[in-house]
């Protein structure tokens, strides 16, 4: 059974592939629209390049980096 991601602040369910652990509404309230979009874009680019998983621990993250 997969663990559902939830927003750190309001506990709303997030998409499994979300790069942030906050929902769009909370993210806008914290950083504003432009900064939130920049953060998301940078996190997605990091995930695509493989650098987002650098600090992760576990066999799943290791196998993803080796496959790249």
PDB file of N, CA and C in Angstrom:
ATOM      1  N   UNK A   1       0.837  -1.183   0.000  1.00  0.00           N
ATOM      2  CA  UNK A   1       0.000   0.000   0.000  1.00  0.00           C
ATOM      3  C   UNK A   1       0.879   1.243   0.000  1.00  0.00           C
ATOM      4  N   UNK A   2       0.646   2.145  -0.952  1.00  0.00           N
ATOM      5  CA  UNK A   2       1.438   3.359  -1.073  1.00  0.00           C
ATOM      6  C   UNK A   2       1.022   4.379  -0.017  1.00  0.00           C
ATOM      7  N   UNK A   3       2.006   5.083   0.497  1.00  0.00           N
ATOM      8  CA  UNK A   3       1.736   6.138   1.471  1.00  0.00           C
ATOM      9  C   UNK A   3       1.375   7.402   0.691  1.00  0.00           C
ATOM     10  N   UNK A   4       0.231   7.984   1.008  1.00  0.00           N
ATOM     11  CA  UNK A   4      -0.226   9.181   0.324  1.00  0.00           C
ATOM     12  C   UNK A   4       0.510  10.396   0.871  1.00  0.00           C
ATOM     13  N   UNK A   5       1.042  11.215  -0.026  1.00  0.00           N
ATOM     14  CA  UNK A   5       1.684  12.456   0.390  1.00  0.00           C
ATOM     15  C   UNK A   5       0.618  13.440   0.831  1.00  0.00           C
ATOM     16  N   UNK A   6       0.943  14.229   1.858  1.00  0.00           N
ATOM     17  CA  UNK A   6       0.015  15.249   2.337  1.00  0.00           C
ATOM     18  C   UNK A   6       0.759  16.556   2.538  1.00  0.00           C
ATOM     19  N   UNK A   7       0.050  17.659   2.364  1.00  0.00           N
ATOM     20  CA  UNK A   7       0.606  18.986   2.576  1.00  0.00           C
ATOM     21  C   UNK A   7       1.065  19.108   4.031  1.00  0.00           C
ATOM     22  N   UNK A   8       2.256  19.634   4.209  1.00  0.00           N
ATOM     23  CA  UNK A   8       2.822  19.815   5.545  1.00  0.00           C
ATOM     24  C   UNK A   8       1.952  20.722   6.406  1.00  0.00           C
ATOM     25  N   UNK A   9       1.275  21.679   5.798  1.00  0.00           N
ATOM     26  CA  UNK A   9       0.523  22.677   6.557  1.00  0.00           C
ATOM     27  C   UNK A   9      -0.954  22.341   6.734  1.00  0.00           C
ATOM     28  N   UNK A  10      -1.660  22.056   5.631  1.00  0.00           N
ATOM     29  CA  UNK A  10      -3.113  21.859   5.731  1.00  0.00           C
ATOM     30  C   UNK A  10      -3.528  20.388   5.668  1.00  0.00           C
ATOM     31  N   UNK A  11      -2.582  19.505   5.397  1.00  0.00           N
ATOM     32  CA  UNK A  11      -2.798  18.044   5.330  1.00  0.00           C
ATOM     33  C   UNK A  11      -3.633  17.601   4.127  1.00  0.00           C
ATOM     34  N   UNK A  12      -3.829  18.468   3.150  1.00  0.00           N
ATOM     35  CA  UNK A  12      -4.526  18.096   1.911  1.00  0.00           C
ATOM     36  C   UNK A  12      -3.678  17.073   1.157  1.00  0.00           C
ATOM     37  N   UNK A  13      -4.325  16.107   0.520  1.00  0.00           N
ATOM     38  CA  UNK A  13      -3.587  15.095  -0.236  1.00  0.00           C
ATOM     39  C   UNK A  13      -2.915  15.727  -1.447  1.00  0.00           C
ATOM     40  N   UNK A  14      -1.702  15.249  -1.728  1.00  0.00           N
ATOM     41  CA  UNK A  14      -0.920  15.742  -2.854  1.00  0.00           C
ATOM     42  C   UNK A  14      -0.749  14.629  -3.874  1.00  0.00           C
ATOM     43  N   UNK A  15      -0.464  15.007  -5.107  1.00  0.00           N
ATOM     44  CA  UNK A  15      -0.152  14.010  -6.130  1.00  0.00           C
ATOM     45  C   UNK A  15       1.122  13.292  -5.723  1.00  0.00           C
ATOM     46  N   UNK A  16       1.204  12.016  -6.048  1.00  0.00           N
ATOM     47  CA  UNK A  16       2.359  11.218  -5.659  1.00  0.00           C
ATOM     48  C   UNK A  16       3.654  11.750  -6.258  1.00  0.00           C
ATOM     49  N   UNK A  17       3.575  12.374  -7.446  1.00  0.00           N
ATOM     50  CA  UNK A  17       4.788  12.872  -8.098  1.00  0.00           C
ATOM     51  C   UNK A  17       5.095  14.332  -7.753  1.00  0.00           C
ATOM     52  N   UNK A  18       4.408  14.901  -6.769  1.00  0.00           N
ATOM     53  CA  UNK A  18       4.651  16.291  -6.370  1.00  0.00           C
ATOM     54  C   UNK A  18       6.080  16.445  -5.856  1.00  0.00           C
ATOM     55  N   UNK A  19       6.749  17.524  -6.279  1.00  0.00           N
ATOM     56  CA  UNK A  19       8.130  17.747  -5.857  1.00  0.00           C
ATOM     57  C   UNK A  19       8.219  18.471  -4.517  1.00  0.00           C
ATOM     58  N   UNK A  20       7.145  19.114  -4.112  1.00  0.00           N
ATOM     59  CA  UNK A  20       7.098  19.810  -2.823  1.00  0.00           C
ATOM     60  C   UNK A  20       6.122  19.105  -1.899  1.00  0.00           C
ATOM     61  N   UNK A  21       6.301  19.302  -0.626  1.00  0.00           N
ATOM     62  CA  UNK A  21       5.391  18.704   0.352  1.00  0.00           C
ATOM     63  C   UNK A  21       4.404  19.737   0.880  1.00  0.00           C
ATOM     64  N   UNK A  22       4.047  20.683   0.013  1.00  0.00           N
ATOM     65  CA  UNK A  22       3.006  21.659   0.321  1.00  0.00           C
ATOM     66  C   UNK A  22       2.070  21.743  -0.881  1.00  0.00           C
ATOM     67  N   UNK A  23       0.798  22.013  -0.625  1.00  0.00           N
ATOM     68  CA  UNK A  23      -0.166  22.151  -1.720  1.00  0.00           C
ATOM     69  C   UNK A  23       0.022  23.522  -2.380  1.00  0.00           C
ATOM     70  N   UNK A  24      -0.584  23.710  -3.522  1.00  0.00           N
ATOM     71  CA  UNK A  24      -0.455  24.964  -4.254  1.00  0.00           C
ATOM     72  C   UNK A  24      -1.008  26.141  -3.447  1.00  0.00           C
ATOM     73  N   UNK A  25      -2.125  25.954  -2.768  1.00  0.00           N
ATOM     74  CA  UNK A  25      -2.703  27.049  -1.983  1.00  0.00           C
ATOM     75  C   UNK A  25      -1.773  27.492  -0.857  1.00  0.00           C
ATOM     76  N   UNK A  26      -1.239  26.539  -0.110  1.00  0.00           N
ATOM     77  CA  UNK A  26      -0.315  26.872   0.977  1.00  0.00           C
ATOM     78  C   UNK A  26       0.984  27.451   0.416  1.00  0.00           C
ATOM     79  N   UNK A  27       1.463  26.890  -0.686  1.00  0.00           N
ATOM     80  CA  UNK A  27       2.684  27.395  -1.315  1.00  0.00           C
ATOM     81  C   UNK A  27       2.545  28.842  -1.755  1.00  0.00           C
ATOM     82  N   UNK A  28       1.398  29.185  -2.339  1.00  0.00           N
ATOM     83  CA  UNK A  28       1.144  30.574  -2.736  1.00  0.00           C
ATOM     84  C   UNK A  28       1.122  31.482  -1.512  1.00  0.00           C
ATOM     85  N   UNK A  29       0.525  31.009  -0.434  1.00  0.00           N
ATOM     86  CA  UNK A  29       0.460  31.809   0.790  1.00  0.00           C
ATOM     87  C   UNK A  29       1.824  32.016   1.429  1.00  0.00           C
ATOM     88  N   UNK A  30       2.711  31.042   1.284  1.00  0.00           N
ATOM     89  CA  UNK A  30       4.044  31.130   1.881  1.00  0.00           C
ATOM     90  C   UNK A  30       4.991  31.959   1.023  1.00  0.00           C
ATOM     91  N   UNK A  31       5.107  31.604  -0.270  1.00  0.00           N
ATOM     92  CA  UNK A  31       6.117  32.211  -1.131  1.00  0.00           C
ATOM     93  C   UNK A  31       5.562  33.192  -2.152  1.00  0.00           C
ATOM     94  N   UNK A  32       4.287  33.175  -2.434  1.00  0.00           N
ATOM     95  CA  UNK A  32       3.726  33.970  -3.519  1.00  0.00           C
ATOM     96  C   UNK A  32       3.786  33.175  -4.820  1.00  0.00           C
ATOM     97  N   UNK A  33       2.992  33.584  -5.791  1.00  0.00           N
ATOM     98  CA  UNK A  33       2.833  32.845  -7.051  1.00  0.00           C
ATOM     99  C   UNK A  33       4.143  32.700  -7.824  1.00  0.00           C
ATOM    100  N   UNK A  34       4.860  33.815  -8.035  1.00  0.00           N
ATOM    101  CA  UNK A  34       6.068  33.758  -8.856  1.00  0.00           C
ATOM    102  C   UNK A  34       7.155  32.895  -8.216  1.00  0.00           C
ATOM    103  N   UNK A  35       7.386  33.071  -6.925  1.00  0.00           N
ATOM    104  CA  UNK A  35       8.428  32.297  -6.247  1.00  0.00           C
ATOM    105  C   UNK A  35       8.046  30.822  -6.195  1.00  0.00           C
ATOM    106  N   UNK A  36       6.776  30.504  -5.933  1.00  0.00           N
ATOM    107  CA  UNK A  36       6.324  29.117  -5.910  1.00  0.00           C
ATOM    108  C   UNK A  36       6.577  28.451  -7.255  1.00  0.00           C
ATOM    109  N   UNK A  37       6.220  29.135  -8.348  1.00  0.00           N
ATOM    110  CA  UNK A  37       6.443  28.571  -9.683  1.00  0.00           C
ATOM    111  C   UNK A  37       7.926  28.355  -9.953  1.00  0.00           C
ATOM    112  N   UNK A  38       8.774  29.274  -9.499  1.00  0.00           N
ATOM    113  CA  UNK A  38      10.221  29.131  -9.665  1.00  0.00           C
ATOM    114  C   UNK A  38      10.740  27.942  -8.875  1.00  0.00           C
ATOM    115  N   UNK A  39      10.290  27.790  -7.647  1.00  0.00           N
ATOM    116  CA  UNK A  39      10.717  26.668  -6.799  1.00  0.00           C
ATOM    117  C   UNK A  39      10.303  25.347  -7.430  1.00  0.00           C
ATOM    118  N   UNK A  40       9.062  25.253  -7.879  1.00  0.00           N
ATOM    119  CA  UNK A  40       8.573  24.023  -8.510  1.00  0.00           C
ATOM    120  C   UNK A  40       9.386  23.705  -9.755  1.00  0.00           C
ATOM    121  N   UNK A  41       9.624  24.693 -10.601  1.00  0.00           N
ATOM    122  CA  UNK A  41      10.393  24.484 -11.828  1.00  0.00           C
ATOM    123  C   UNK A  41      11.808  23.996 -11.498  1.00  0.00           C
ATOM    124  N   UNK A  42      12.458  24.610 -10.509  1.00  0.00           N
ATOM    125  CA  UNK A  42      13.811  24.194 -10.126  1.00  0.00           C
ATOM    126  C   UNK A  42      13.831  22.793  -9.535  1.00  0.00           C
ATOM    127  N   UNK A  43      12.832  22.467  -8.728  1.00  0.00           N
ATOM    128  CA  UNK A  43      12.762  21.126  -8.141  1.00  0.00           C
ATOM    129  C   UNK A  43      12.508  20.074  -9.224  1.00  0.00           C
ATOM    130  N   UNK A  44      11.643  20.376 -10.186  1.00  0.00           N
ATOM    131  CA  UNK A  44      11.384  19.433 -11.283  1.00  0.00           C
ATOM    132  C   UNK A  44      12.641  19.232 -12.122  1.00  0.00           C
ATOM    133  N   UNK A  45      13.388  20.313 -12.394  1.00  0.00           N
ATOM    134  CA  UNK A  45      14.642  20.198 -13.142  1.00  0.00           C
ATOM    135  C   UNK A  45      15.654  19.352 -12.369  1.00  0.00           C
ATOM    136  N   UNK A  46      15.719  19.537 -11.063  1.00  0.00           N
ATOM    137  CA  UNK A  46      16.634  18.752 -10.225  1.00  0.00           C
ATOM    138  C   UNK A  46      16.241  17.279 -10.247  1.00  0.00           C
ATOM    139  N   UNK A  47      14.948  17.001 -10.205  1.00  0.00           N
ATOM    140  CA  UNK A  47      14.494  15.608 -10.255  1.00  0.00           C
ATOM    141  C   UNK A  47      14.881  14.966 -11.587  1.00  0.00           C
ATOM    142  N   UNK A  48      14.693  15.711 -12.686  1.00  0.00           N
ATOM    143  CA  UNK A  48      15.032  15.188 -14.007  1.00  0.00           C
ATOM    144  C   UNK A  48      16.525  14.920 -14.144  1.00  0.00           C
ATOM    145  N   UNK A  49      17.358  15.761 -13.538  1.00  0.00           N
ATOM    146  CA  UNK A  49      18.808  15.575 -13.641  1.00  0.00           C
ATOM    147  C   UNK A  49      19.337  14.543 -12.650  1.00  0.00           C
ATOM    148  N   UNK A  50      18.491  14.143 -11.696  1.00  0.00           N
ATOM    149  CA  UNK A  50      18.890  13.150 -10.717  1.00  0.00           C
ATOM    150  C   UNK A  50      19.447  13.722  -9.435  1.00  0.00           C
ATOM    151  N   UNK A  51      19.620  15.037  -9.359  1.00  0.00           N
ATOM    152  CA  UNK A  51      20.209  15.636  -8.162  1.00  0.00           C
ATOM    153  C   UNK A  51      19.204  15.810  -7.019  1.00  0.00           C
ATOM    154  N   UNK A  52      17.935  15.679  -7.291  1.00  0.00           N
ATOM    155  CA  UNK A  52      16.930  15.799  -6.233  1.00  0.00           C
ATOM    156  C   UNK A  52      17.015  14.629  -5.270  1.00  0.00           C
ATOM    157  N   UNK A  53      17.458  13.481  -5.728  1.00  0.00           N
ATOM    158  CA  UNK A  53      17.515  12.280  -4.906  1.00  0.00           C
ATOM    159  C   UNK A  53      18.842  12.129  -4.165  1.00  0.00           C
ATOM    160  N   UNK A  54      19.763  13.074  -4.265  1.00  0.00           N
ATOM    161  CA  UNK A  54      21.083  12.930  -3.667  1.00  0.00           C
ATOM    162  C   UNK A  54      21.053  12.668  -2.174  1.00  0.00           C
ATOM    163  N   UNK A  55      20.162  13.315  -1.437  1.00  0.00           N
ATOM    164  CA  UNK A  55      20.123  13.149   0.003  1.00  0.00           C
ATOM    165  C   UNK A  55      19.247  12.012   0.475  1.00  0.00           C
ATOM    166  N   UNK A  56      18.612  11.295  -0.435  1.00  0.00           N
ATOM    167  CA  UNK A  56      17.697  10.224  -0.057  1.00  0.00           C
ATOM    168  C   UNK A  56      18.462   8.993   0.406  1.00  0.00           C
ATOM    169  N   UNK A  57      17.850   8.277   1.327  1.00  0.00           N
ATOM    170  CA  UNK A  57      18.448   7.056   1.853  1.00  0.00           C
ATOM    171  C   UNK A  57      17.518   5.900   1.550  1.00  0.00           C
ATOM    172  N   UNK A  58      18.058   4.797   1.106  1.00  0.00           N
ATOM    173  CA  UNK A  58      17.246   3.616   0.831  1.00  0.00           C
ATOM    174  C   UNK A  58      17.567   3.021  -0.518  1.00  0.00           C
ATOM    175  N   UNK A  59      17.222   1.773  -0.684  1.00  0.00           N
ATOM    176  CA  UNK A  59      17.555   1.063  -1.912  1.00  0.00           C
ATOM    177  C   UNK A  59      16.794   1.615  -3.113  1.00  0.00           C
ATOM    178  N   UNK A  60      15.591   2.152  -2.901  1.00  0.00           N
ATOM    179  CA  UNK A  60      14.796   2.685  -4.001  1.00  0.00           C
ATOM    180  C   UNK A  60      15.505   3.871  -4.646  1.00  0.00           C
ATOM    181  N   UNK A  61      16.020   4.797  -3.848  1.00  0.00           N
ATOM    182  CA  UNK A  61      16.692   5.968  -4.389  1.00  0.00           C
ATOM    183  C   UNK A  61      18.007   5.594  -5.055  1.00  0.00           C
ATOM    184  N   UNK A  62      18.706   4.602  -4.520  1.00  0.00           N
ATOM    185  CA  UNK A  62      19.966   4.158  -5.096  1.00  0.00           C
ATOM    186  C   UNK A  62      19.728   3.539  -6.454  1.00  0.00           C
ATOM    187  N   UNK A  63      18.716   2.698  -6.580  1.00  0.00           N
ATOM    188  CA  UNK A  63      18.436   2.049  -7.859  1.00  0.00           C
ATOM    189  C   UNK A  63      17.997   3.066  -8.909  1.00  0.00           C
ATOM    190  N   UNK A  64      17.297   4.123  -8.513  1.00  0.00           N
ATOM    191  CA  UNK A  64      16.888   5.154  -9.465  1.00  0.00           C
ATOM    192  C   UNK A  64      18.109   5.899  -9.990  1.00  0.00           C
ATOM    193  N   UNK A  65      19.092   6.205  -9.129  1.00  0.00           N
ATOM    194  CA  UNK A  65      20.281   6.912  -9.574  1.00  0.00           C
ATOM    195  C   UNK A  65      21.133   6.028 -10.468  1.00  0.00           C
ATOM    196  N   UNK A  66      21.239   4.748 -10.180  1.00  0.00           N
ATOM    197  CA  UNK A  66      22.039   3.845 -10.986  1.00  0.00           C
ATOM    198  C   UNK A  66      21.425   3.659 -12.374  1.00  0.00           C
ATOM    199  N   UNK A  67      20.092   3.698 -12.455  1.00  0.00           N
ATOM    200  CA  UNK A  67      19.400   3.493 -13.723  1.00  0.00           C
ATOM    201  C   UNK A  67      19.587   4.685 -14.662  1.00  0.00           C
ATOM    202  N   UNK A  68      19.848   5.851 -14.103  1.00  0.00           N
ATOM    203  CA  UNK A  68      19.971   7.083 -14.922  1.00  0.00           C
ATOM    204  C   UNK A  68      21.259   7.130 -15.701  1.00  0.00           C
TER     205      UNK A  68
END
